[in-house]
Amino acid sequence: MKYSISAARFAVAALMLSAVTTSYLHTWFTHGDTWPWDYFGYFTNQNNLAEGFGLVAAAIGMLQGRRIRWVEYLRGAVTTYIFIVGVVYWTLLAATSPNPIPWTNDVVHGIVPAYAVLDWLLVGDRAPLKWRNYWVIFPYGLLWLAVTLTRGASDGWVPYPFLDPASGYASVSVYCGAIVAIAGAVGVAAWGASRYRGLVLTGAPEPSGAGLVAPQRIAS
């Protein structure tokens, strides 16, 4: 079973990387110049890349028969954000953000978020995440908002219309507060779900209390 799950993780990561690369190259050749700082400033692209890294690291650890504790926390945080990517896109942006390459859009906003959540819920190769480390979900999101708002106020570039300072900082503040609140709630769900042992590979031992970094052996 571990080989099938590892293969699925590698496949989803490869599909994600193909979609992100294809979309970037299409934008580059269509517009003649696309600054990577803009393209990779999108919350969607950053979290897809982070999710791909987390899946690959987890797959390698599984094949080696080891759990790497910081990877589990990374995956818990990224699962939180990639879930938000899918929900926000399909509820707020899908109708107003047509994509010239539909399959890449479906991958980064649909397949990857869905797989990330299902893998987190169903595969029991991770130990319960400690509540005292729940804070790890917040630094990335707050930093991304800070950089995005700073860029919006300075050079006028924003990745999403609801963060455009032109719409008024009151509106932007509401959306930022909502993002943080939603991340907090989804993070609680992700931390809580880590206590469910999953349906497959449920033999992973509990961590020995060594924080974020202790590697642990897992069953085959």
N, C-alpha and C. Protein backbone atom coordinates (compact mmCIF):
# COMPACT_ATOMS: atom_id res chain seq x y z
N MET A 1 0.82 -1.21 0.00
CA MET A 1 0.00 0.00 0.00
C MET A 1 0.86 1.27 0.00
N LYS A 2 2.00 1.21 0.74
CA LYS A 2 2.80 2.43 0.80
C LYS A 2 3.36 2.81 -0.57
N TYR A 3 3.57 1.82 -1.43
CA TYR A 3 4.09 2.13 -2.77
C TYR A 3 3.01 2.82 -3.62
N SER A 4 1.78 2.37 -3.49
CA SER A 4 0.68 2.99 -4.23
C SER A 4 0.45 4.43 -3.79
N ILE A 5 0.47 4.65 -2.48
CA ILE A 5 0.25 6.00 -1.96
C ILE A 5 1.41 6.92 -2.33
N SER A 6 2.63 6.40 -2.21
CA SER A 6 3.80 7.21 -2.60
C SER A 6 3.73 7.57 -4.08
N ALA A 7 3.33 6.60 -4.92
CA ALA A 7 3.21 6.87 -6.35
C ALA A 7 2.16 7.93 -6.62
N ALA A 8 1.03 7.87 -5.90
CA ALA A 8 -0.02 8.88 -6.07
C ALA A 8 0.49 10.26 -5.67
N ARG A 9 1.24 10.33 -4.59
CA ARG A 9 1.79 11.62 -4.14
C ARG A 9 2.76 12.19 -5.17
N PHE A 10 3.65 11.33 -5.68
CA PHE A 10 4.58 11.78 -6.71
C PHE A 10 3.82 12.25 -7.96
N ALA A 11 2.78 11.51 -8.33
CA ALA A 11 2.02 11.84 -9.54
C ALA A 11 1.31 13.17 -9.40
N VAL A 12 0.68 13.41 -8.25
CA VAL A 12 -0.02 14.68 -8.05
C VAL A 12 0.98 15.84 -8.03
N ALA A 13 2.13 15.64 -7.39
CA ALA A 13 3.15 16.69 -7.37
C ALA A 13 3.65 16.98 -8.78
N ALA A 14 3.86 15.94 -9.58
CA ALA A 14 4.33 16.13 -10.96
C ALA A 14 3.27 16.82 -11.80
N LEU A 15 2.01 16.45 -11.63
CA LEU A 15 0.92 17.09 -12.36
C LEU A 15 0.83 18.56 -11.98
N MET A 16 0.96 18.85 -10.71
CA MET A 16 0.93 20.24 -10.26
C MET A 16 2.06 21.04 -10.89
N LEU A 17 3.28 20.50 -10.85
CA LEU A 17 4.43 21.21 -11.40
C LEU A 17 4.26 21.43 -12.90
N SER A 18 3.70 20.45 -13.60
CA SER A 18 3.44 20.59 -15.03
C SER A 18 2.43 21.70 -15.29
N ALA A 19 1.38 21.77 -14.47
CA ALA A 19 0.35 22.79 -14.65
C ALA A 19 0.90 24.18 -14.39
N VAL A 20 1.63 24.33 -13.29
CA VAL A 20 2.19 25.65 -12.95
C VAL A 20 3.19 26.10 -14.01
N THR A 21 4.04 25.18 -14.48
CA THR A 21 5.03 25.52 -15.49
C THR A 21 4.37 25.87 -16.82
N THR A 22 3.39 25.07 -17.22
CA THR A 22 2.68 25.33 -18.48
C THR A 22 1.99 26.68 -18.45
N SER A 23 1.32 26.98 -17.36
CA SER A 23 0.63 28.26 -17.24
C SER A 23 1.60 29.43 -17.28
N TYR A 24 2.74 29.28 -16.61
CA TYR A 24 3.74 30.35 -16.61
C TYR A 24 4.31 30.57 -18.01
N LEU A 25 4.67 29.50 -18.69
CA LEU A 25 5.24 29.62 -20.02
C LEU A 25 4.23 30.21 -21.00
N HIS A 26 2.97 29.81 -20.86
CA HIS A 26 1.93 30.37 -21.72
C HIS A 26 1.82 31.88 -21.50
N THR A 27 1.84 32.29 -20.25
CA THR A 27 1.77 33.72 -19.94
C THR A 27 2.99 34.45 -20.48
N TRP A 28 4.14 33.83 -20.36
CA TRP A 28 5.39 34.44 -20.84
C TRP A 28 5.35 34.65 -22.36
N PHE A 29 4.99 33.60 -23.10
CA PHE A 29 5.01 33.69 -24.56
C PHE A 29 3.85 34.53 -25.10
N THR A 30 2.76 34.62 -24.34
CA THR A 30 1.62 35.42 -24.79
C THR A 30 1.86 36.91 -24.60
N HIS A 31 2.42 37.25 -23.46
CA HIS A 31 2.60 38.67 -23.12
C HIS A 31 4.02 39.16 -23.36
N GLY A 32 4.92 38.26 -23.70
CA GLY A 32 6.28 38.67 -24.03
C GLY A 32 7.18 38.83 -22.83
N ASP A 33 6.62 39.11 -21.68
CA ASP A 33 7.44 39.29 -20.48
C ASP A 33 6.55 39.12 -19.26
N THR A 34 6.94 38.21 -18.40
CA THR A 34 6.21 37.99 -17.16
C THR A 34 7.20 37.87 -16.03
N TRP A 35 7.18 38.86 -15.15
CA TRP A 35 8.11 38.86 -14.04
C TRP A 35 7.74 37.73 -13.08
N PRO A 36 8.67 36.84 -12.76
CA PRO A 36 8.34 35.74 -11.85
C PRO A 36 7.82 36.22 -10.50
N TRP A 37 8.26 37.37 -10.04
CA TRP A 37 7.81 37.92 -8.77
C TRP A 37 6.30 38.12 -8.77
N ASP A 38 5.74 38.44 -9.95
CA ASP A 38 4.28 38.58 -10.05
C ASP A 38 3.61 37.21 -10.10
N TYR A 39 4.04 36.39 -11.03
CA TYR A 39 3.38 35.10 -11.22
C TYR A 39 3.42 34.25 -9.96
N PHE A 40 4.57 34.20 -9.33
CA PHE A 40 4.71 33.37 -8.14
C PHE A 40 4.33 34.13 -6.87
N GLY A 41 3.77 35.32 -7.05
CA GLY A 41 3.20 36.04 -5.92
C GLY A 41 1.78 35.60 -5.61
N TYR A 42 1.20 34.83 -6.53
CA TYR A 42 -0.16 34.35 -6.30
C TYR A 42 -0.19 33.31 -5.19
N PHE A 43 -1.13 33.47 -4.29
CA PHE A 43 -1.35 32.54 -3.19
C PHE A 43 -1.53 31.12 -3.72
N THR A 44 -2.26 31.00 -4.81
CA THR A 44 -2.51 29.70 -5.42
C THR A 44 -1.22 29.02 -5.84
N ASN A 45 -0.37 29.73 -6.57
CA ASN A 45 0.86 29.12 -7.07
C ASN A 45 1.81 28.76 -5.92
N GLN A 46 1.95 29.65 -4.95
CA GLN A 46 2.84 29.37 -3.83
C GLN A 46 2.39 28.12 -3.06
N ASN A 47 1.09 28.02 -2.81
CA ASN A 47 0.62 26.89 -2.01
C ASN A 47 0.60 25.59 -2.80
N ASN A 48 0.41 25.66 -4.10
CA ASN A 48 0.53 24.45 -4.90
C ASN A 48 1.96 23.94 -4.87
N LEU A 49 2.93 24.84 -4.99
CA LEU A 49 4.33 24.43 -4.93
C LEU A 49 4.67 23.87 -3.55
N ALA A 50 4.17 24.51 -2.50
CA ALA A 50 4.42 24.01 -1.15
C ALA A 50 3.77 22.65 -0.93
N GLU A 51 2.55 22.48 -1.45
CA GLU A 51 1.88 21.20 -1.31
C GLU A 51 2.64 20.11 -2.07
N GLY A 52 3.13 20.43 -3.27
CA GLY A 52 3.91 19.47 -4.03
C GLY A 52 5.16 19.05 -3.28
N PHE A 53 5.84 20.02 -2.68
CA PHE A 53 7.04 19.70 -1.88
C PHE A 53 6.68 18.81 -0.71
N GLY A 54 5.58 19.15 -0.02
CA GLY A 54 5.16 18.35 1.12
C GLY A 54 4.81 16.92 0.74
N LEU A 55 4.13 16.75 -0.38
CA LEU A 55 3.76 15.41 -0.83
C LEU A 55 4.99 14.59 -1.20
N VAL A 56 5.94 15.22 -1.90
CA VAL A 56 7.16 14.51 -2.28
C VAL A 56 7.95 14.11 -1.04
N ALA A 57 8.09 15.04 -0.08
CA ALA A 57 8.83 14.74 1.14
C ALA A 57 8.15 13.62 1.92
N ALA A 58 6.82 13.66 1.99
CA ALA A 58 6.09 12.61 2.70
C ALA A 58 6.22 11.27 1.99
N ALA A 59 6.19 11.29 0.65
CA ALA A 59 6.34 10.05 -0.12
C ALA A 59 7.72 9.44 0.08
N ILE A 60 8.74 10.27 0.05
CA ILE A 60 10.10 9.76 0.26
C ILE A 60 10.24 9.18 1.67
N GLY A 61 9.70 9.91 2.65
CA GLY A 61 9.75 9.41 4.01
C GLY A 61 9.03 8.08 4.16
N MET A 62 7.89 7.95 3.48
CA MET A 62 7.13 6.71 3.54
C MET A 62 7.93 5.55 2.94
N LEU A 63 8.57 5.79 1.81
CA LEU A 63 9.35 4.73 1.17
C LEU A 63 10.56 4.35 2.01
N GLN A 64 11.09 5.30 2.76
CA GLN A 64 12.24 5.03 3.63
C GLN A 64 11.81 4.45 4.97
N GLY A 65 10.50 4.39 5.20
CA GLY A 65 10.00 3.89 6.47
C GLY A 65 10.17 4.85 7.62
N ARG A 66 10.18 6.16 7.32
CA ARG A 66 10.39 7.17 8.36
C ARG A 66 9.35 8.27 8.24
N ARG A 67 8.96 8.80 9.40
CA ARG A 67 8.14 10.01 9.45
C ARG A 67 9.02 11.16 9.88
N ILE A 68 8.95 12.27 9.16
CA ILE A 68 9.73 13.45 9.50
C ILE A 68 8.77 14.48 10.10
N ARG A 69 8.99 14.80 11.37
CA ARG A 69 7.98 15.56 12.11
C ARG A 69 7.71 16.93 11.51
N TRP A 70 8.74 17.66 11.07
CA TRP A 70 8.50 19.00 10.55
C TRP A 70 7.72 18.95 9.24
N VAL A 71 7.89 17.85 8.48
CA VAL A 71 7.11 17.70 7.25
C VAL A 71 5.64 17.54 7.58
N GLU A 72 5.32 16.86 8.66
CA GLU A 72 3.92 16.70 9.07
C GLU A 72 3.30 18.05 9.42
N TYR A 73 4.05 18.91 10.11
CA TYR A 73 3.54 20.24 10.43
C TYR A 73 3.42 21.10 9.18
N LEU A 74 4.40 20.98 8.29
CA LEU A 74 4.31 21.69 7.02
C LEU A 74 3.05 21.28 6.27
N ARG A 75 2.81 19.97 6.20
CA ARG A 75 1.64 19.49 5.47
C ARG A 75 0.35 19.92 6.16
N GLY A 76 0.34 19.96 7.49
CA GLY A 76 -0.85 20.43 8.19
C GLY A 76 -1.16 21.87 7.85
N ALA A 77 -0.13 22.72 7.83
CA ALA A 77 -0.33 24.13 7.49
C ALA A 77 -0.72 24.31 6.03
N VAL A 78 -0.02 23.61 5.13
CA VAL A 78 -0.30 23.78 3.71
C VAL A 78 -1.67 23.20 3.35
N THR A 79 -2.07 22.11 4.00
CA THR A 79 -3.41 21.59 3.76
C THR A 79 -4.45 22.62 4.12
N THR A 80 -4.19 23.36 5.19
CA THR A 80 -5.09 24.45 5.58
C THR A 80 -5.23 25.46 4.45
N TYR A 81 -4.10 25.91 3.91
CA TYR A 81 -4.13 26.96 2.90
C TYR A 81 -4.58 26.47 1.53
N ILE A 82 -4.22 25.24 1.17
CA ILE A 82 -4.63 24.76 -0.16
C ILE A 82 -6.13 24.51 -0.18
N PHE A 83 -6.71 24.16 0.96
CA PHE A 83 -8.17 24.04 1.06
C PHE A 83 -8.82 25.40 0.82
N ILE A 84 -8.24 26.44 1.41
CA ILE A 84 -8.77 27.79 1.21
C ILE A 84 -8.63 28.20 -0.25
N VAL A 85 -7.52 27.82 -0.90
CA VAL A 85 -7.33 28.11 -2.32
C VAL A 85 -8.50 27.58 -3.13
N GLY A 86 -8.86 26.32 -2.91
CA GLY A 86 -9.95 25.73 -3.67
C GLY A 86 -11.29 26.39 -3.38
N VAL A 87 -11.58 26.60 -2.10
CA VAL A 87 -12.89 27.17 -1.73
C VAL A 87 -13.03 28.60 -2.23
N VAL A 88 -12.00 29.43 -2.02
CA VAL A 88 -12.08 30.83 -2.45
C VAL A 88 -12.20 30.94 -3.96
N TYR A 89 -11.44 30.11 -4.68
CA TYR A 89 -11.51 30.20 -6.14
C TYR A 89 -12.92 29.86 -6.64
N TRP A 90 -13.44 28.71 -6.21
CA TRP A 90 -14.71 28.26 -6.77
C TRP A 90 -15.90 29.05 -6.26
N THR A 91 -15.74 29.80 -5.16
CA THR A 91 -16.85 30.61 -4.66
C THR A 91 -16.76 32.08 -5.05
N LEU A 92 -15.54 32.61 -5.20
CA LEU A 92 -15.39 34.05 -5.45
C LEU A 92 -14.79 34.40 -6.80
N LEU A 93 -13.93 33.55 -7.34
CA LEU A 93 -13.12 33.96 -8.49
C LEU A 93 -13.41 33.22 -9.78
N ALA A 94 -14.00 32.05 -9.73
CA ALA A 94 -14.14 31.23 -10.92
C ALA A 94 -14.87 31.95 -12.05
N ALA A 95 -15.92 32.68 -11.71
CA ALA A 95 -16.73 33.33 -12.74
C ALA A 95 -16.05 34.55 -13.34
N THR A 96 -15.09 35.13 -12.61
CA THR A 96 -14.47 36.37 -13.07
C THR A 96 -13.02 36.19 -13.49
N SER A 97 -12.49 34.97 -13.38
CA SER A 97 -11.09 34.74 -13.71
C SER A 97 -10.95 33.59 -14.70
N PRO A 98 -11.34 33.81 -15.96
CA PRO A 98 -11.20 32.74 -16.96
C PRO A 98 -9.74 32.41 -17.19
N ASN A 99 -9.46 31.14 -17.39
CA ASN A 99 -8.09 30.69 -17.61
C ASN A 99 -7.97 30.19 -19.05
N PRO A 100 -6.96 30.68 -19.79
CA PRO A 100 -6.83 30.26 -21.19
C PRO A 100 -6.45 28.80 -21.36
N ILE A 101 -5.96 28.17 -20.30
CA ILE A 101 -5.62 26.75 -20.36
C ILE A 101 -6.42 26.06 -19.25
N PRO A 102 -7.63 25.63 -19.55
CA PRO A 102 -8.53 25.12 -18.50
C PRO A 102 -7.96 23.99 -17.66
N TRP A 103 -7.18 23.09 -18.26
CA TRP A 103 -6.72 21.94 -17.47
C TRP A 103 -5.76 22.36 -16.37
N THR A 104 -4.94 23.38 -16.63
CA THR A 104 -4.03 23.83 -15.57
C THR A 104 -4.82 24.44 -14.42
N ASN A 105 -5.88 25.16 -14.77
CA ASN A 105 -6.73 25.75 -13.76
C ASN A 105 -7.40 24.67 -12.90
N ASP A 106 -7.88 23.63 -13.56
CA ASP A 106 -8.53 22.54 -12.83
C ASP A 106 -7.55 21.84 -11.90
N VAL A 107 -6.29 21.74 -12.32
CA VAL A 107 -5.29 21.07 -11.48
C VAL A 107 -5.00 21.87 -10.22
N VAL A 108 -4.66 23.16 -10.38
CA VAL A 108 -4.20 23.93 -9.22
C VAL A 108 -5.33 24.35 -8.30
N HIS A 109 -6.55 24.47 -8.83
CA HIS A 109 -7.68 24.88 -7.99
C HIS A 109 -8.61 23.74 -7.61
N GLY A 110 -8.45 22.59 -8.27
CA GLY A 110 -9.36 21.49 -8.01
C GLY A 110 -8.67 20.22 -7.57
N ILE A 111 -7.86 19.65 -8.47
CA ILE A 111 -7.26 18.34 -8.20
C ILE A 111 -6.30 18.39 -7.01
N VAL A 112 -5.40 19.35 -7.00
CA VAL A 112 -4.41 19.40 -5.92
C VAL A 112 -5.07 19.67 -4.57
N PRO A 113 -5.95 20.69 -4.45
CA PRO A 113 -6.61 20.88 -3.15
C PRO A 113 -7.41 19.66 -2.70
N ALA A 114 -8.15 19.04 -3.63
CA ALA A 114 -8.95 17.88 -3.26
C ALA A 114 -8.07 16.73 -2.81
N TYR A 115 -7.00 16.47 -3.56
CA TYR A 115 -6.12 15.37 -3.17
C TYR A 115 -5.45 15.65 -1.83
N ALA A 116 -5.00 16.89 -1.64
CA ALA A 116 -4.32 17.24 -0.39
C ALA A 116 -5.20 16.96 0.82
N VAL A 117 -6.46 17.36 0.75
CA VAL A 117 -7.38 17.16 1.86
C VAL A 117 -7.66 15.67 2.06
N LEU A 118 -7.92 14.94 0.98
CA LEU A 118 -8.21 13.52 1.10
C LEU A 118 -7.00 12.74 1.65
N ASP A 119 -5.81 13.07 1.16
CA ASP A 119 -4.61 12.40 1.65
C ASP A 119 -4.44 12.66 3.14
N TRP A 120 -4.63 13.90 3.56
CA TRP A 120 -4.48 14.25 4.97
C TRP A 120 -5.50 13.52 5.85
N LEU A 121 -6.71 13.37 5.34
CA LEU A 121 -7.77 12.74 6.12
C LEU A 121 -7.64 11.21 6.15
N LEU A 122 -7.23 10.62 5.04
CA LEU A 122 -7.36 9.17 4.89
C LEU A 122 -6.09 8.38 5.12
N VAL A 123 -4.93 9.01 4.95
CA VAL A 123 -3.66 8.27 5.08
C VAL A 123 -3.08 8.54 6.47
N GLY A 124 -2.94 7.48 7.25
CA GLY A 124 -2.54 7.64 8.64
C GLY A 124 -1.06 7.57 8.90
N ASP A 125 -0.25 8.11 8.02
CA ASP A 125 1.21 8.08 8.24
C ASP A 125 1.70 9.34 8.92
N ARG A 126 0.81 10.02 9.63
CA ARG A 126 1.22 11.21 10.40
C ARG A 126 0.64 11.09 11.80
N ALA A 127 1.42 11.55 12.77
CA ALA A 127 0.98 11.53 14.16
C ALA A 127 0.14 12.77 14.44
N PRO A 128 -0.64 12.76 15.54
CA PRO A 128 -1.40 13.97 15.89
C PRO A 128 -0.49 15.19 16.04
N LEU A 129 -0.91 16.29 15.46
CA LEU A 129 -0.15 17.52 15.58
C LEU A 129 -0.43 18.14 16.94
N LYS A 130 0.59 18.60 17.60
CA LYS A 130 0.44 19.16 18.95
C LYS A 130 -0.20 20.54 18.89
N TRP A 131 -1.16 20.76 19.77
CA TRP A 131 -1.87 22.04 19.77
C TRP A 131 -0.95 23.20 20.13
N ARG A 132 0.10 22.92 20.89
CA ARG A 132 1.00 24.02 21.25
C ARG A 132 1.77 24.53 20.02
N ASN A 133 1.78 23.73 18.94
CA ASN A 133 2.43 24.17 17.70
C ASN A 133 1.44 24.63 16.64
N TYR A 134 0.21 24.84 17.07
CA TYR A 134 -0.84 25.29 16.13
C TYR A 134 -0.48 26.63 15.48
N TRP A 135 0.32 27.42 16.16
CA TRP A 135 0.70 28.74 15.66
C TRP A 135 1.42 28.68 14.31
N VAL A 136 1.96 27.51 13.93
CA VAL A 136 2.78 27.45 12.71
C VAL A 136 1.97 27.74 11.45
N ILE A 137 0.64 27.71 11.52
CA ILE A 137 -0.13 27.99 10.32
C ILE A 137 -0.16 29.48 9.99
N PHE A 138 0.12 30.36 10.97
CA PHE A 138 -0.13 31.78 10.77
C PHE A 138 1.00 32.59 10.12
N PRO A 139 2.30 32.35 10.41
CA PRO A 139 3.34 33.23 9.87
C PRO A 139 3.30 33.38 8.35
N TYR A 140 3.14 32.27 7.63
CA TYR A 140 3.14 32.38 6.17
C TYR A 140 1.99 33.25 5.68
N GLY A 141 0.78 32.99 6.15
CA GLY A 141 -0.38 33.75 5.69
C GLY A 141 -0.26 35.23 5.99
N LEU A 142 0.20 35.56 7.19
CA LEU A 142 0.34 36.97 7.57
C LEU A 142 1.43 37.64 6.75
N LEU A 143 2.54 36.92 6.50
CA LEU A 143 3.62 37.49 5.68
C LEU A 143 3.14 37.71 4.26
N TRP A 144 2.40 36.73 3.70
CA TRP A 144 1.90 36.88 2.33
C TRP A 144 0.98 38.09 2.23
N LEU A 145 0.09 38.26 3.20
CA LEU A 145 -0.81 39.42 3.18
C LEU A 145 -0.01 40.72 3.29
N ALA A 146 0.99 40.75 4.16
CA ALA A 146 1.78 41.97 4.34
C ALA A 146 2.51 42.36 3.05
N VAL A 147 3.15 41.38 2.41
CA VAL A 147 3.87 41.65 1.16
C VAL A 147 2.90 42.08 0.07
N THR A 148 1.78 41.39 -0.04
CA THR A 148 0.80 41.70 -1.08
C THR A 148 0.23 43.10 -0.91
N LEU A 149 -0.14 43.46 0.31
CA LEU A 149 -0.70 44.79 0.55
C LEU A 149 0.35 45.88 0.34
N THR A 150 1.59 45.60 0.70
CA THR A 150 2.67 46.56 0.48
C THR A 150 2.87 46.79 -1.01
N ARG A 151 2.85 45.73 -1.78
CA ARG A 151 3.00 45.87 -3.23
C ARG A 151 1.79 46.61 -3.83
N GLY A 152 0.59 46.30 -3.34
CA GLY A 152 -0.59 46.98 -3.85
C GLY A 152 -0.54 48.48 -3.61
N ALA A 153 0.01 48.87 -2.47
CA ALA A 153 0.10 50.29 -2.15
C ALA A 153 1.26 50.98 -2.84
N SER A 154 2.29 50.22 -3.22
CA SER A 154 3.49 50.83 -3.81
C SER A 154 3.50 50.79 -5.33
N ASP A 155 3.44 49.57 -5.90
CA ASP A 155 3.50 49.49 -7.36
C ASP A 155 2.17 49.14 -8.02
N GLY A 156 1.10 48.99 -7.21
CA GLY A 156 -0.24 48.79 -7.76
C GLY A 156 -0.58 47.38 -8.15
N TRP A 157 0.38 46.43 -7.97
CA TRP A 157 0.09 45.04 -8.36
C TRP A 157 -0.56 44.29 -7.22
N VAL A 158 -1.68 43.66 -7.50
CA VAL A 158 -2.31 42.77 -6.53
C VAL A 158 -2.73 41.49 -7.27
N PRO A 159 -2.64 40.34 -6.62
CA PRO A 159 -2.98 39.10 -7.30
C PRO A 159 -4.47 38.86 -7.43
N TYR A 160 -5.26 39.45 -6.54
CA TYR A 160 -6.70 39.21 -6.52
C TYR A 160 -7.44 40.53 -6.32
N PRO A 161 -8.54 40.72 -7.03
CA PRO A 161 -9.23 42.01 -6.98
C PRO A 161 -9.74 42.41 -5.60
N PHE A 162 -10.06 41.44 -4.76
CA PHE A 162 -10.59 41.81 -3.44
C PHE A 162 -9.52 42.36 -2.50
N LEU A 163 -8.24 42.33 -2.94
CA LEU A 163 -7.15 42.92 -2.16
C LEU A 163 -6.65 44.22 -2.76
N ASP A 164 -7.33 44.73 -3.76
CA ASP A 164 -6.93 45.96 -4.43
C ASP A 164 -7.23 47.16 -3.54
N PRO A 165 -6.21 47.96 -3.17
CA PRO A 165 -6.44 49.14 -2.34
C PRO A 165 -7.42 50.12 -2.98
N ALA A 166 -7.58 50.06 -4.31
CA ALA A 166 -8.50 50.96 -5.00
C ALA A 166 -9.94 50.73 -4.56
N SER A 167 -10.22 49.52 -4.04
CA SER A 167 -11.57 49.23 -3.57
C SER A 167 -11.83 49.77 -2.18
N GLY A 168 -10.79 50.35 -1.57
CA GLY A 168 -10.92 50.90 -0.23
C GLY A 168 -10.33 49.99 0.82
N TYR A 169 -9.60 50.60 1.75
CA TYR A 169 -8.93 49.78 2.74
C TYR A 169 -9.90 49.14 3.73
N ALA A 170 -11.08 49.73 3.87
CA ALA A 170 -12.08 49.10 4.74
C ALA A 170 -12.47 47.74 4.18
N SER A 171 -12.72 47.71 2.86
CA SER A 171 -13.08 46.45 2.22
C SER A 171 -11.93 45.45 2.27
N VAL A 172 -10.72 45.94 2.00
CA VAL A 172 -9.54 45.08 2.03
C VAL A 172 -9.34 44.50 3.43
N SER A 173 -9.56 45.34 4.45
CA SER A 173 -9.39 44.89 5.83
C SER A 173 -10.37 43.78 6.18
N VAL A 174 -11.59 43.91 5.68
CA VAL A 174 -12.59 42.87 5.93
C VAL A 174 -12.15 41.55 5.31
N TYR A 175 -11.67 41.60 4.08
CA TYR A 175 -11.22 40.38 3.42
C TYR A 175 -10.01 39.79 4.12
N CYS A 176 -9.07 40.64 4.54
CA CYS A 176 -7.88 40.13 5.24
C CYS A 176 -8.28 39.46 6.56
N GLY A 177 -9.18 40.11 7.28
CA GLY A 177 -9.65 39.52 8.53
C GLY A 177 -10.34 38.20 8.29
N ALA A 178 -11.12 38.15 7.20
CA ALA A 178 -11.83 36.90 6.88
C ALA A 178 -10.84 35.79 6.53
N ILE A 179 -9.78 36.14 5.78
CA ILE A 179 -8.78 35.14 5.41
C ILE A 179 -8.11 34.57 6.65
N VAL A 180 -7.72 35.45 7.58
CA VAL A 180 -7.06 35.00 8.80
C VAL A 180 -8.01 34.14 9.63
N ALA A 181 -9.27 34.58 9.75
CA ALA A 181 -10.24 33.83 10.54
C ALA A 181 -10.52 32.46 9.93
N ILE A 182 -10.67 32.43 8.60
CA ILE A 182 -10.93 31.16 7.93
C ILE A 182 -9.73 30.23 8.07
N ALA A 183 -8.53 30.79 7.91
CA ALA A 183 -7.32 29.97 8.08
C ALA A 183 -7.26 29.39 9.48
N GLY A 184 -7.62 30.21 10.48
CA GLY A 184 -7.62 29.72 11.85
C GLY A 184 -8.59 28.58 12.04
N ALA A 185 -9.80 28.72 11.49
CA ALA A 185 -10.82 27.69 11.65
C ALA A 185 -10.44 26.42 10.90
N VAL A 186 -9.96 26.56 9.66
CA VAL A 186 -9.58 25.38 8.89
C VAL A 186 -8.36 24.72 9.52
N GLY A 187 -7.46 25.53 10.08
CA GLY A 187 -6.30 24.97 10.77
C GLY A 187 -6.71 24.12 11.96
N VAL A 188 -7.70 24.58 12.71
CA VAL A 188 -8.21 23.78 13.83
C VAL A 188 -8.74 22.45 13.31
N ALA A 189 -9.46 22.49 12.18
CA ALA A 189 -9.97 21.25 11.59
C ALA A 189 -8.83 20.33 11.15
N ALA A 190 -7.78 20.90 10.56
CA ALA A 190 -6.64 20.09 10.11
C ALA A 190 -5.92 19.47 11.29
N TRP A 191 -5.71 20.26 12.35
CA TRP A 191 -5.06 19.73 13.56
C TRP A 191 -5.93 18.64 14.20
N GLY A 192 -7.24 18.89 14.23
CA GLY A 192 -8.13 17.89 14.79
C GLY A 192 -8.15 16.61 13.96
N ALA A 193 -8.14 16.77 12.63
CA ALA A 193 -8.17 15.60 11.74
C ALA A 193 -6.91 14.75 11.88
N SER A 194 -5.80 15.36 12.30
CA SER A 194 -4.57 14.58 12.46
C SER A 194 -4.70 13.55 13.58
N ARG A 195 -5.71 13.71 14.42
CA ARG A 195 -5.94 12.73 15.49
C ARG A 195 -6.72 11.52 15.01
N TYR A 196 -7.28 11.63 13.81
CA TYR A 196 -7.95 10.49 13.20
C TYR A 196 -6.91 9.66 12.47
N ARG A 197 -6.86 8.38 12.75
CA ARG A 197 -5.76 7.57 12.25
C ARG A 197 -5.86 7.22 10.79
N GLY A 198 -6.93 7.64 10.11
CA GLY A 198 -7.04 7.38 8.69
C GLY A 198 -7.54 5.98 8.39
N LEU A 199 -7.66 5.69 7.12
CA LEU A 199 -8.14 4.37 6.69
C LEU A 199 -7.02 3.46 6.23
N VAL A 200 -5.88 4.03 5.83
CA VAL A 200 -4.75 3.21 5.37
C VAL A 200 -3.48 3.65 6.07
N LEU A 201 -2.55 2.71 6.21
CA LEU A 201 -1.26 2.95 6.88
C LEU A 201 -1.47 3.59 8.25
N THR A 202 -2.23 2.91 9.07
CA THR A 202 -2.57 3.45 10.38
C THR A 202 -1.61 3.01 11.47
N GLY A 203 -0.51 2.35 11.10
CA GLY A 203 0.39 1.81 12.11
C GLY A 203 1.51 2.73 12.52
N ALA A 204 1.47 4.01 12.10
CA ALA A 204 2.55 4.92 12.46
C ALA A 204 2.55 5.16 13.96
N PRO A 205 3.71 5.08 14.64
CA PRO A 205 3.77 5.29 16.08
C PRO A 205 3.56 6.74 16.45
N GLU A 206 3.18 6.98 17.67
CA GLU A 206 3.07 8.34 18.17
C GLU A 206 4.46 8.95 18.29
N PRO A 207 4.59 10.27 18.12
CA PRO A 207 5.90 10.91 18.27
C PRO A 207 6.37 10.85 19.72
N SER A 208 7.65 10.98 19.93
CA SER A 208 8.22 10.85 21.26
C SER A 208 8.29 12.17 22.01
N GLY A 209 7.59 13.19 21.48
CA GLY A 209 7.56 14.48 22.17
C GLY A 209 8.73 15.36 21.86
N ALA A 210 9.38 15.13 20.72
CA ALA A 210 10.57 15.91 20.38
C ALA A 210 10.28 17.10 19.49
N GLY A 211 9.06 17.62 19.56
CA GLY A 211 8.75 18.85 18.86
C GLY A 211 8.52 18.68 17.38
N LEU A 212 9.12 19.60 16.57
CA LEU A 212 8.83 19.65 15.14
C LEU A 212 9.79 18.81 14.31
N VAL A 213 10.86 18.30 14.90
CA VAL A 213 11.93 17.80 14.05
C VAL A 213 12.23 16.32 14.18
N ALA A 214 11.61 15.61 15.08
CA ALA A 214 12.03 14.23 15.30
C ALA A 214 11.55 13.30 14.20
N PRO A 215 12.46 12.54 13.57
CA PRO A 215 12.04 11.51 12.62
C PRO A 215 11.54 10.29 13.36
N GLN A 216 10.53 9.62 12.81
CA GLN A 216 9.97 8.43 13.44
C GLN A 216 9.86 7.31 12.41
N ARG A 217 10.06 6.07 12.87
CA ARG A 217 9.86 4.93 12.00
C ARG A 217 8.38 4.68 11.78
N ILE A 218 8.02 4.26 10.57
CA ILE A 218 6.64 3.90 10.29
C ILE A 218 6.60 2.47 9.77
N ALA A 219 5.43 1.87 9.94
CA ALA A 219 5.28 0.49 9.50
C ALA A 219 5.15 0.42 8.00
N SER A 220 5.54 -0.68 7.44
CA SER A 220 5.41 -0.90 6.00
C SER A 220 3.99 -1.24 5.63
